[in-house]
């Protein structure tokens, strides 16, 4: 399995270090904590990530 690369954090985070980063790998999206980058990465497929983002946009996670 290829490790995610090209990590990005949300633009709304600004200079804050308390957020998550997203990295891309073939067929996968990696999610990790910026405060603990070596603490592990959650890997999910692109479809699941898209569903997760849509749930955030629809405010269904409260």
N, C-alpha and C. Protein backbone atom coordinates (compact mmCIF):
# COMPACT_ATOMS: atom_id res chain seq x y z
N UNK A 1 0.84 -1.18 0.00
CA UNK A 1 0.00 0.00 0.00
C UNK A 1 0.88 1.24 0.00
N UNK A 2 0.51 2.20 -0.79
CA UNK A 2 1.23 3.46 -0.87
C UNK A 2 0.78 4.39 0.25
N UNK A 3 1.72 5.00 0.93
CA UNK A 3 1.38 5.94 2.01
C UNK A 3 0.86 7.24 1.42
N UNK A 4 -0.09 7.87 2.11
CA UNK A 4 -0.58 9.17 1.65
C UNK A 4 0.56 10.19 1.59
N UNK A 5 0.41 11.14 0.66
CA UNK A 5 1.40 12.21 0.53
C UNK A 5 0.68 13.50 0.23
N UNK A 6 1.46 14.56 0.06
CA UNK A 6 0.90 15.88 -0.24
C UNK A 6 -0.13 16.29 0.81
N UNK A 7 0.27 16.20 2.08
CA UNK A 7 -0.62 16.52 3.19
C UNK A 7 -1.03 18.00 3.14
N UNK A 8 -2.32 18.25 3.42
CA UNK A 8 -2.85 19.61 3.46
C UNK A 8 -3.75 19.75 4.68
N UNK A 9 -3.74 20.93 5.26
CA UNK A 9 -4.69 21.20 6.33
C UNK A 9 -5.72 22.21 5.82
N UNK A 10 -6.87 22.28 6.45
CA UNK A 10 -7.91 23.19 5.97
C UNK A 10 -7.45 24.65 5.98
N UNK A 11 -7.83 25.38 4.98
CA UNK A 11 -7.45 26.79 4.89
C UNK A 11 -8.05 27.61 6.03
N UNK A 12 -9.17 27.19 6.57
CA UNK A 12 -9.80 27.91 7.68
C UNK A 12 -9.01 27.77 8.98
N UNK A 13 -8.07 26.84 9.03
CA UNK A 13 -7.27 26.64 10.23
C UNK A 13 -6.27 27.75 10.45
N UNK A 14 -5.89 28.43 9.38
CA UNK A 14 -4.87 29.47 9.48
C UNK A 14 -3.59 28.90 10.06
N UNK A 15 -2.93 29.64 10.93
CA UNK A 15 -1.67 29.15 11.49
C UNK A 15 -1.87 28.16 12.66
N UNK A 16 -3.10 27.88 13.03
CA UNK A 16 -3.36 26.97 14.15
C UNK A 16 -2.80 25.58 13.87
N UNK A 17 -2.32 24.95 14.93
CA UNK A 17 -1.75 23.61 14.79
C UNK A 17 -2.70 22.55 15.33
N UNK A 18 -3.89 22.92 15.73
CA UNK A 18 -4.82 21.95 16.30
C UNK A 18 -5.92 21.62 15.30
N UNK A 19 -5.56 20.90 14.28
CA UNK A 19 -6.51 20.52 13.26
C UNK A 19 -6.08 19.18 12.67
N UNK A 20 -6.75 18.75 11.64
CA UNK A 20 -6.38 17.53 10.96
C UNK A 20 -5.82 17.86 9.59
N UNK A 21 -5.05 16.94 9.05
CA UNK A 21 -4.51 17.07 7.71
C UNK A 21 -5.04 15.92 6.87
N UNK A 22 -5.16 16.18 5.58
CA UNK A 22 -5.63 15.20 4.63
C UNK A 22 -4.51 14.93 3.63
N UNK A 23 -4.24 13.66 3.39
CA UNK A 23 -3.25 13.26 2.39
C UNK A 23 -3.87 12.29 1.40
N UNK A 24 -3.35 12.28 0.19
CA UNK A 24 -3.88 11.43 -0.86
C UNK A 24 -2.95 10.26 -1.15
N UNK A 25 -3.53 9.11 -1.42
CA UNK A 25 -2.82 7.93 -1.91
C UNK A 25 -3.75 7.27 -2.94
N UNK A 26 -3.23 6.43 -3.82
CA UNK A 26 -4.10 5.80 -4.81
C UNK A 26 -5.28 5.08 -4.16
N UNK A 27 -6.48 5.58 -4.41
CA UNK A 27 -7.69 4.97 -3.89
C UNK A 27 -8.00 5.26 -2.44
N UNK A 28 -7.14 6.01 -1.77
CA UNK A 28 -7.32 6.26 -0.34
C UNK A 28 -7.13 7.72 0.02
N UNK A 29 -7.72 8.09 1.14
CA UNK A 29 -7.50 9.40 1.75
C UNK A 29 -6.98 9.12 3.16
N UNK A 30 -5.90 9.79 3.53
CA UNK A 30 -5.37 9.67 4.88
C UNK A 30 -5.75 10.88 5.70
N UNK A 31 -6.08 10.64 6.96
CA UNK A 31 -6.45 11.72 7.89
C UNK A 31 -5.57 11.57 9.12
N UNK A 32 -4.90 12.67 9.52
CA UNK A 32 -4.04 12.62 10.70
C UNK A 32 -4.12 13.92 11.47
N UNK A 33 -3.70 13.86 12.73
CA UNK A 33 -3.72 15.00 13.65
C UNK A 33 -2.44 15.80 13.48
N UNK A 34 -2.54 17.11 13.30
CA UNK A 34 -1.34 17.94 13.12
C UNK A 34 -0.50 18.02 14.38
N UNK A 35 -1.11 17.80 15.55
CA UNK A 35 -0.35 17.85 16.80
C UNK A 35 0.46 16.57 17.02
N UNK A 36 0.10 15.49 16.33
CA UNK A 36 0.76 14.21 16.52
C UNK A 36 0.83 13.46 15.19
N UNK A 37 1.60 13.96 14.28
CA UNK A 37 1.66 13.40 12.93
C UNK A 37 2.16 11.96 12.90
N UNK A 38 2.95 11.57 13.88
CA UNK A 38 3.45 10.20 13.93
C UNK A 38 2.54 9.28 14.73
N UNK A 39 1.42 9.80 15.21
CA UNK A 39 0.53 9.03 16.07
C UNK A 39 -0.43 8.11 15.35
N UNK A 40 -0.37 8.06 14.05
CA UNK A 40 -1.25 7.19 13.29
C UNK A 40 -2.04 7.96 12.24
N UNK A 41 -2.48 7.23 11.26
CA UNK A 41 -3.25 7.80 10.16
C UNK A 41 -4.49 6.96 9.92
N UNK A 42 -5.63 7.61 9.84
CA UNK A 42 -6.87 6.93 9.48
C UNK A 42 -6.93 6.90 7.96
N UNK A 43 -7.07 5.71 7.39
CA UNK A 43 -7.16 5.57 5.94
C UNK A 43 -8.57 5.14 5.56
N UNK A 44 -9.18 5.89 4.65
CA UNK A 44 -10.51 5.56 4.15
C UNK A 44 -10.51 5.72 2.63
N UNK A 45 -11.47 5.07 1.97
CA UNK A 45 -11.52 5.20 0.52
C UNK A 45 -12.17 6.52 0.12
N UNK A 46 -12.01 6.90 -1.13
CA UNK A 46 -12.49 8.20 -1.61
C UNK A 46 -14.01 8.34 -1.47
N UNK A 47 -14.75 7.27 -1.71
CA UNK A 47 -16.21 7.33 -1.61
C UNK A 47 -16.64 7.63 -0.18
N UNK A 48 -16.04 6.93 0.77
CA UNK A 48 -16.36 7.15 2.18
C UNK A 48 -16.00 8.57 2.60
N UNK A 49 -14.86 9.06 2.14
CA UNK A 49 -14.45 10.42 2.47
C UNK A 49 -15.43 11.44 1.90
N UNK A 50 -15.87 11.22 0.67
CA UNK A 50 -16.86 12.11 0.06
C UNK A 50 -18.17 12.12 0.82
N UNK A 51 -18.59 10.96 1.30
CA UNK A 51 -19.81 10.86 2.10
C UNK A 51 -19.64 11.61 3.42
N UNK A 52 -18.48 11.48 4.03
CA UNK A 52 -18.17 12.18 5.27
C UNK A 52 -18.21 13.70 5.06
N UNK A 53 -17.57 14.18 4.00
CA UNK A 53 -17.59 15.62 3.72
C UNK A 53 -19.00 16.13 3.47
N UNK A 54 -19.81 15.35 2.76
CA UNK A 54 -21.18 15.78 2.49
C UNK A 54 -21.99 15.84 3.79
N UNK A 55 -21.76 14.92 4.70
CA UNK A 55 -22.44 14.95 6.00
C UNK A 55 -22.07 16.21 6.78
N UNK A 56 -20.81 16.62 6.68
CA UNK A 56 -20.38 17.86 7.33
C UNK A 56 -21.10 19.05 6.70
N UNK A 57 -21.11 19.10 5.38
CA UNK A 57 -21.78 20.21 4.68
C UNK A 57 -23.27 20.28 5.01
N UNK A 58 -23.88 19.10 5.16
CA UNK A 58 -25.32 19.04 5.45
C UNK A 58 -25.63 19.20 6.94
N UNK A 59 -24.59 19.38 7.75
CA UNK A 59 -24.74 19.57 9.20
C UNK A 59 -25.45 18.38 9.85
N UNK A 60 -25.07 17.17 9.44
CA UNK A 60 -25.70 15.96 9.98
C UNK A 60 -24.88 15.29 11.07
N UNK A 61 -23.81 15.92 11.53
CA UNK A 61 -22.93 15.27 12.49
C UNK A 61 -23.04 15.86 13.90
N UNK A 62 -24.06 16.55 14.18
CA UNK A 62 -24.23 17.14 15.52
C UNK A 62 -24.98 16.21 16.42
